[in-house]
Amino acid sequence: MNGTALQVAVLAASSACTMPAAAQQPAATPAPDNAPFDVGQLFATTCGFCHSDGGRAPGRGPQLMDSPRDDDFMRNRIKNGKEGAMPTFGAAFSDAQIDEIIKYIRSLKPREG
């Protein structure tokens, strides 16, 4: 997926946050597993709309840093969303990319300063 295609996917996914889950349309085919993928940028442009400070603080959605939820729960929530709360991203991201998102969430630490 080139930069433009990633931007389109991110914009489509982020706009889904403002729609009721029932009105959300799944994105196109997930990007190939070997596509460039910047999870920090994804959080800054898409996930950060609901998960503040790159997932470190609550916002419209919960804080993700230090989440007690297991990886399977997170994988399911990213793929399938939660009606009325979180859009589905299973069609926007490959399984490998979702694993990278979970890895990013698990690596979150408080910002210094």
N, C-alpha and C. Protein backbone atom coordinates (compact mmCIF):
# COMPACT_ATOMS: atom_id res chain seq x y z
N MET A 1 0.87 -1.17 0.00
CA MET A 1 0.00 0.00 0.00
C MET A 1 0.91 1.22 0.00
N ASN A 2 0.74 2.11 -0.97
CA ASN A 2 1.56 3.32 -1.00
C ASN A 2 1.01 4.33 -0.01
N GLY A 3 1.75 5.45 0.14
CA GLY A 3 1.36 6.46 1.12
C GLY A 3 -0.03 7.01 0.87
N THR A 4 -0.37 7.25 -0.39
CA THR A 4 -1.69 7.79 -0.71
C THR A 4 -2.79 6.80 -0.36
N ALA A 5 -2.58 5.54 -0.70
CA ALA A 5 -3.59 4.53 -0.38
C ALA A 5 -3.76 4.39 1.12
N LEU A 6 -2.64 4.47 1.87
CA LEU A 6 -2.72 4.38 3.33
C LEU A 6 -3.49 5.57 3.87
N GLN A 7 -3.23 6.77 3.33
CA GLN A 7 -3.95 7.96 3.79
C GLN A 7 -5.45 7.82 3.53
N VAL A 8 -5.81 7.29 2.38
CA VAL A 8 -7.23 7.09 2.06
C VAL A 8 -7.85 6.10 3.04
N ALA A 9 -7.15 5.01 3.32
CA ALA A 9 -7.66 4.01 4.26
C ALA A 9 -7.81 4.60 5.65
N VAL A 10 -6.83 5.40 6.07
CA VAL A 10 -6.87 6.01 7.39
C VAL A 10 -8.02 7.01 7.47
N LEU A 11 -8.19 7.85 6.44
CA LEU A 11 -9.29 8.81 6.45
C LEU A 11 -10.64 8.11 6.48
N ALA A 12 -10.77 7.04 5.71
CA ALA A 12 -12.04 6.30 5.72
C ALA A 12 -12.29 5.70 7.08
N ALA A 13 -11.26 5.14 7.70
CA ALA A 13 -11.42 4.53 9.01
C ALA A 13 -11.73 5.58 10.07
N SER A 14 -11.05 6.73 10.00
CA SER A 14 -11.29 7.75 11.02
C SER A 14 -12.67 8.36 10.89
N SER A 15 -13.16 8.51 9.68
CA SER A 15 -14.50 9.06 9.54
C SER A 15 -15.54 8.09 10.05
N ALA A 16 -15.21 6.82 10.09
CA ALA A 16 -16.14 5.83 10.61
C ALA A 16 -16.38 6.02 12.10
N CYS A 17 -15.43 6.64 12.80
CA CYS A 17 -15.59 6.88 14.24
C CYS A 17 -16.79 7.75 14.52
N THR A 18 -17.15 8.61 13.58
CA THR A 18 -18.23 9.54 13.83
C THR A 18 -19.58 9.01 13.40
N MET A 19 -19.61 7.83 12.77
CA MET A 19 -20.85 7.24 12.30
C MET A 19 -21.32 6.16 13.25
N PRO A 20 -22.62 5.95 13.37
CA PRO A 20 -23.09 4.79 14.13
C PRO A 20 -22.54 3.52 13.50
N ALA A 21 -22.25 2.53 14.31
CA ALA A 21 -21.65 1.29 13.80
C ALA A 21 -22.49 0.67 12.70
N ALA A 22 -23.80 0.77 12.79
CA ALA A 22 -24.65 0.16 11.78
C ALA A 22 -24.49 0.82 10.42
N ALA A 23 -24.07 2.09 10.39
CA ALA A 23 -23.93 2.81 9.13
C ALA A 23 -22.54 2.66 8.53
N GLN A 24 -21.62 2.06 9.25
CA GLN A 24 -20.24 1.94 8.78
C GLN A 24 -20.15 0.91 7.68
N GLN A 25 -19.37 1.25 6.67
CA GLN A 25 -19.10 0.33 5.58
C GLN A 25 -17.69 -0.19 5.73
N PRO A 26 -17.45 -1.48 5.55
CA PRO A 26 -16.09 -1.99 5.67
C PRO A 26 -15.23 -1.41 4.55
N ALA A 27 -13.95 -1.25 4.86
CA ALA A 27 -12.99 -0.76 3.86
C ALA A 27 -12.69 -1.86 2.86
N ALA A 28 -11.88 -1.55 1.90
CA ALA A 28 -11.50 -2.51 0.86
C ALA A 28 -10.62 -3.60 1.46
N THR A 29 -10.07 -4.40 0.60
CA THR A 29 -9.20 -5.50 1.00
C THR A 29 -8.05 -5.00 1.87
N PRO A 30 -7.67 -5.75 2.92
CA PRO A 30 -6.56 -5.31 3.75
C PRO A 30 -5.28 -5.17 2.94
N ALA A 31 -4.41 -4.32 3.44
CA ALA A 31 -3.11 -4.14 2.79
C ALA A 31 -2.31 -5.43 2.92
N PRO A 32 -1.40 -5.68 1.98
CA PRO A 32 -0.56 -6.87 2.10
C PRO A 32 0.30 -6.79 3.36
N ASP A 33 0.66 -7.95 3.90
CA ASP A 33 1.44 -7.99 5.13
C ASP A 33 2.78 -7.28 5.00
N ASN A 34 3.31 -7.16 3.79
CA ASN A 34 4.63 -6.54 3.62
C ASN A 34 4.53 -5.05 3.29
N ALA A 35 3.34 -4.47 3.36
CA ALA A 35 3.17 -3.05 3.07
C ALA A 35 3.77 -2.23 4.21
N PRO A 36 4.36 -1.06 3.88
CA PRO A 36 4.88 -0.20 4.95
C PRO A 36 3.74 0.20 5.89
N PHE A 37 4.03 0.19 7.16
CA PHE A 37 2.98 0.42 8.15
C PHE A 37 3.59 1.13 9.34
N ASP A 38 3.19 2.36 9.59
CA ASP A 38 3.70 3.16 10.69
C ASP A 38 2.59 3.28 11.75
N VAL A 39 2.68 2.45 12.78
CA VAL A 39 1.62 2.40 13.78
C VAL A 39 1.55 3.71 14.56
N GLY A 40 2.68 4.32 14.84
CA GLY A 40 2.67 5.60 15.54
C GLY A 40 1.90 6.66 14.75
N GLN A 41 2.13 6.68 13.43
CA GLN A 41 1.40 7.61 12.57
C GLN A 41 -0.09 7.27 12.54
N LEU A 42 -0.40 5.97 12.50
CA LEU A 42 -1.79 5.54 12.52
C LEU A 42 -2.49 6.06 13.77
N PHE A 43 -1.84 5.93 14.93
CA PHE A 43 -2.45 6.42 16.16
C PHE A 43 -2.59 7.94 16.13
N ALA A 44 -1.61 8.62 15.56
CA ALA A 44 -1.67 10.09 15.49
C ALA A 44 -2.81 10.56 14.59
N THR A 45 -3.09 9.82 13.52
CA THR A 45 -4.07 10.28 12.54
C THR A 45 -5.44 9.64 12.65
N THR A 46 -5.53 8.46 13.21
CA THR A 46 -6.81 7.75 13.24
C THR A 46 -7.24 7.38 14.65
N CYS A 47 -6.46 6.57 15.30
CA CYS A 47 -6.84 6.05 16.61
C CYS A 47 -6.90 7.15 17.66
N GLY A 48 -6.03 8.16 17.50
CA GLY A 48 -5.96 9.25 18.45
C GLY A 48 -7.23 10.08 18.54
N PHE A 49 -8.12 9.94 17.57
CA PHE A 49 -9.40 10.65 17.64
C PHE A 49 -10.18 10.19 18.86
N CYS A 50 -10.03 8.92 19.21
CA CYS A 50 -10.75 8.37 20.36
C CYS A 50 -9.83 7.99 21.51
N HIS A 51 -8.62 7.57 21.21
CA HIS A 51 -7.66 7.13 22.23
C HIS A 51 -6.57 8.19 22.33
N SER A 52 -6.72 9.10 23.26
CA SER A 52 -5.87 10.29 23.36
C SER A 52 -4.41 9.96 23.66
N ASP A 53 -3.56 10.92 23.29
CA ASP A 53 -2.11 10.84 23.53
C ASP A 53 -1.53 9.52 23.03
N GLY A 54 -1.90 9.14 21.81
CA GLY A 54 -1.36 7.91 21.22
C GLY A 54 -1.78 6.65 21.95
N GLY A 55 -2.89 6.70 22.67
CA GLY A 55 -3.39 5.55 23.42
C GLY A 55 -3.03 5.58 24.89
N ARG A 56 -2.30 6.63 25.29
CA ARG A 56 -1.83 6.73 26.68
C ARG A 56 -2.87 7.30 27.63
N ALA A 57 -3.92 7.90 27.10
CA ALA A 57 -4.92 8.56 27.96
C ALA A 57 -6.31 8.27 27.41
N PRO A 58 -7.31 8.28 28.29
CA PRO A 58 -8.67 8.10 27.80
C PRO A 58 -9.13 9.33 27.03
N GLY A 59 -10.04 9.12 26.14
CA GLY A 59 -10.66 10.19 25.37
C GLY A 59 -12.08 9.76 25.12
N ARG A 60 -12.51 9.77 23.87
CA ARG A 60 -13.82 9.20 23.54
C ARG A 60 -13.79 7.69 23.78
N GLY A 61 -12.61 7.12 23.62
CA GLY A 61 -12.39 5.69 23.87
C GLY A 61 -11.49 5.53 25.08
N PRO A 62 -11.31 4.30 25.53
CA PRO A 62 -10.51 4.08 26.74
C PRO A 62 -9.01 4.26 26.51
N GLN A 63 -8.31 4.48 27.60
CA GLN A 63 -6.85 4.46 27.59
C GLN A 63 -6.43 3.05 27.21
N LEU A 64 -5.44 2.94 26.34
CA LEU A 64 -4.97 1.63 25.92
C LEU A 64 -3.69 1.22 26.65
N MET A 65 -2.89 2.19 27.07
CA MET A 65 -1.67 1.89 27.82
C MET A 65 -2.05 1.13 29.09
N ASP A 66 -1.33 0.06 29.36
CA ASP A 66 -1.56 -0.77 30.55
C ASP A 66 -2.94 -1.42 30.57
N SER A 67 -3.49 -1.67 29.39
CA SER A 67 -4.82 -2.29 29.32
C SER A 67 -4.79 -3.69 29.93
N PRO A 68 -5.80 -4.02 30.72
CA PRO A 68 -5.89 -5.37 31.28
C PRO A 68 -6.43 -6.38 30.25
N ARG A 69 -6.90 -5.91 29.11
CA ARG A 69 -7.47 -6.79 28.08
C ARG A 69 -6.37 -7.62 27.44
N ASP A 70 -6.68 -8.88 27.12
CA ASP A 70 -5.67 -9.72 26.47
C ASP A 70 -5.62 -9.45 24.97
N ASP A 71 -4.59 -9.99 24.33
CA ASP A 71 -4.37 -9.74 22.91
C ASP A 71 -5.53 -10.22 22.05
N ASP A 72 -6.13 -11.34 22.40
CA ASP A 72 -7.26 -11.85 21.62
C ASP A 72 -8.45 -10.89 21.68
N PHE A 73 -8.70 -10.31 22.85
CA PHE A 73 -9.78 -9.33 22.98
C PHE A 73 -9.48 -8.13 22.09
N MET A 74 -8.25 -7.62 22.17
CA MET A 74 -7.88 -6.45 21.37
C MET A 74 -7.98 -6.74 19.87
N ARG A 75 -7.49 -7.90 19.48
CA ARG A 75 -7.55 -8.29 18.06
C ARG A 75 -9.01 -8.31 17.58
N ASN A 76 -9.87 -8.90 18.36
CA ASN A 76 -11.29 -8.98 18.02
C ASN A 76 -11.91 -7.58 17.97
N ARG A 77 -11.57 -6.73 18.94
CA ARG A 77 -12.16 -5.39 18.97
C ARG A 77 -11.68 -4.56 17.78
N ILE A 78 -10.41 -4.67 17.43
CA ILE A 78 -9.89 -3.93 16.27
C ILE A 78 -10.58 -4.42 15.00
N LYS A 79 -10.68 -5.73 14.85
CA LYS A 79 -11.29 -6.30 13.63
C LYS A 79 -12.78 -6.01 13.54
N ASN A 80 -13.50 -6.20 14.64
CA ASN A 80 -14.96 -6.18 14.60
C ASN A 80 -15.60 -4.96 15.24
N GLY A 81 -14.82 -4.14 15.91
CA GLY A 81 -15.34 -2.94 16.54
C GLY A 81 -16.30 -3.24 17.68
N LYS A 82 -17.01 -2.21 18.08
CA LYS A 82 -18.04 -2.32 19.11
C LYS A 82 -19.16 -1.38 18.70
N GLU A 83 -20.32 -1.93 18.51
CA GLU A 83 -21.46 -1.15 18.02
C GLU A 83 -21.65 0.12 18.84
N GLY A 84 -21.72 1.24 18.14
CA GLY A 84 -21.96 2.52 18.77
C GLY A 84 -20.74 3.12 19.45
N ALA A 85 -19.60 2.40 19.45
CA ALA A 85 -18.44 2.90 20.16
C ALA A 85 -17.17 2.90 19.32
N MET A 86 -16.90 1.81 18.60
CA MET A 86 -15.67 1.71 17.82
C MET A 86 -15.97 1.09 16.47
N PRO A 87 -15.45 1.70 15.41
CA PRO A 87 -15.68 1.14 14.08
C PRO A 87 -14.88 -0.14 13.87
N THR A 88 -15.26 -0.89 12.87
CA THR A 88 -14.53 -2.10 12.50
C THR A 88 -13.35 -1.73 11.62
N PHE A 89 -12.23 -2.40 11.85
CA PHE A 89 -11.03 -2.15 11.05
C PHE A 89 -10.51 -3.43 10.41
N GLY A 90 -11.25 -4.54 10.54
CA GLY A 90 -10.79 -5.81 10.00
C GLY A 90 -10.59 -5.80 8.50
N ALA A 91 -11.35 -5.00 7.78
CA ALA A 91 -11.19 -4.93 6.33
C ALA A 91 -10.12 -3.92 5.93
N ALA A 92 -9.71 -3.05 6.86
CA ALA A 92 -8.71 -2.03 6.55
C ALA A 92 -7.29 -2.51 6.80
N PHE A 93 -7.11 -3.44 7.74
CA PHE A 93 -5.78 -3.88 8.13
C PHE A 93 -5.67 -5.40 8.05
N SER A 94 -4.49 -5.86 7.64
CA SER A 94 -4.22 -7.29 7.60
C SER A 94 -4.03 -7.80 9.03
N ASP A 95 -4.03 -9.11 9.20
CA ASP A 95 -3.80 -9.69 10.53
C ASP A 95 -2.42 -9.28 11.05
N ALA A 96 -1.43 -9.25 10.17
CA ALA A 96 -0.08 -8.86 10.60
C ALA A 96 -0.06 -7.40 11.06
N GLN A 97 -0.80 -6.54 10.38
CA GLN A 97 -0.87 -5.14 10.79
C GLN A 97 -1.60 -5.00 12.12
N ILE A 98 -2.65 -5.75 12.32
CA ILE A 98 -3.36 -5.72 13.61
C ILE A 98 -2.43 -6.19 14.71
N ASP A 99 -1.62 -7.20 14.44
CA ASP A 99 -0.63 -7.65 15.43
C ASP A 99 0.36 -6.53 15.75
N GLU A 100 0.75 -5.74 14.75
CA GLU A 100 1.64 -4.60 14.97
C GLU A 100 0.96 -3.54 15.84
N ILE A 101 -0.32 -3.32 15.62
CA ILE A 101 -1.07 -2.36 16.43
C ILE A 101 -1.09 -2.82 17.89
N ILE A 102 -1.34 -4.10 18.12
CA ILE A 102 -1.36 -4.64 19.48
C ILE A 102 0.03 -4.53 20.10
N LYS A 103 1.06 -4.83 19.34
CA LYS A 103 2.44 -4.71 19.83
C LYS A 103 2.71 -3.26 20.25
N TYR A 104 2.27 -2.30 19.44
CA TYR A 104 2.42 -0.89 19.77
C TYR A 104 1.70 -0.57 21.09
N ILE A 105 0.47 -1.03 21.23
CA ILE A 105 -0.30 -0.76 22.45
C ILE A 105 0.43 -1.32 23.66
N ARG A 106 0.95 -2.52 23.54
CA ARG A 106 1.66 -3.16 24.66
C ARG A 106 2.95 -2.43 25.02
N SER A 107 3.52 -1.70 24.06
CA SER A 107 4.79 -1.00 24.31
C SER A 107 4.59 0.40 24.86
N LEU A 108 3.36 0.88 24.96
CA LEU A 108 3.10 2.25 25.42
C LEU A 108 3.60 2.47 26.85
N LYS A 109 4.29 3.57 27.01
CA LYS A 109 4.77 4.01 28.33
C LYS A 109 4.38 5.47 28.49
N PRO A 110 4.26 5.96 29.73
CA PRO A 110 3.96 7.38 29.91
C PRO A 110 5.04 8.25 29.25
N ARG A 111 4.63 9.38 28.73
CA ARG A 111 5.59 10.31 28.13
C ARG A 111 6.37 10.98 29.26
N GLU A 112 7.66 11.16 29.02
CA GLU A 112 8.50 11.84 30.01
C GLU A 112 8.40 13.34 29.81
N GLY A 113 8.41 14.07 30.92
CA GLY A 113 8.38 15.53 30.83
C GLY A 113 7.05 16.02 30.88
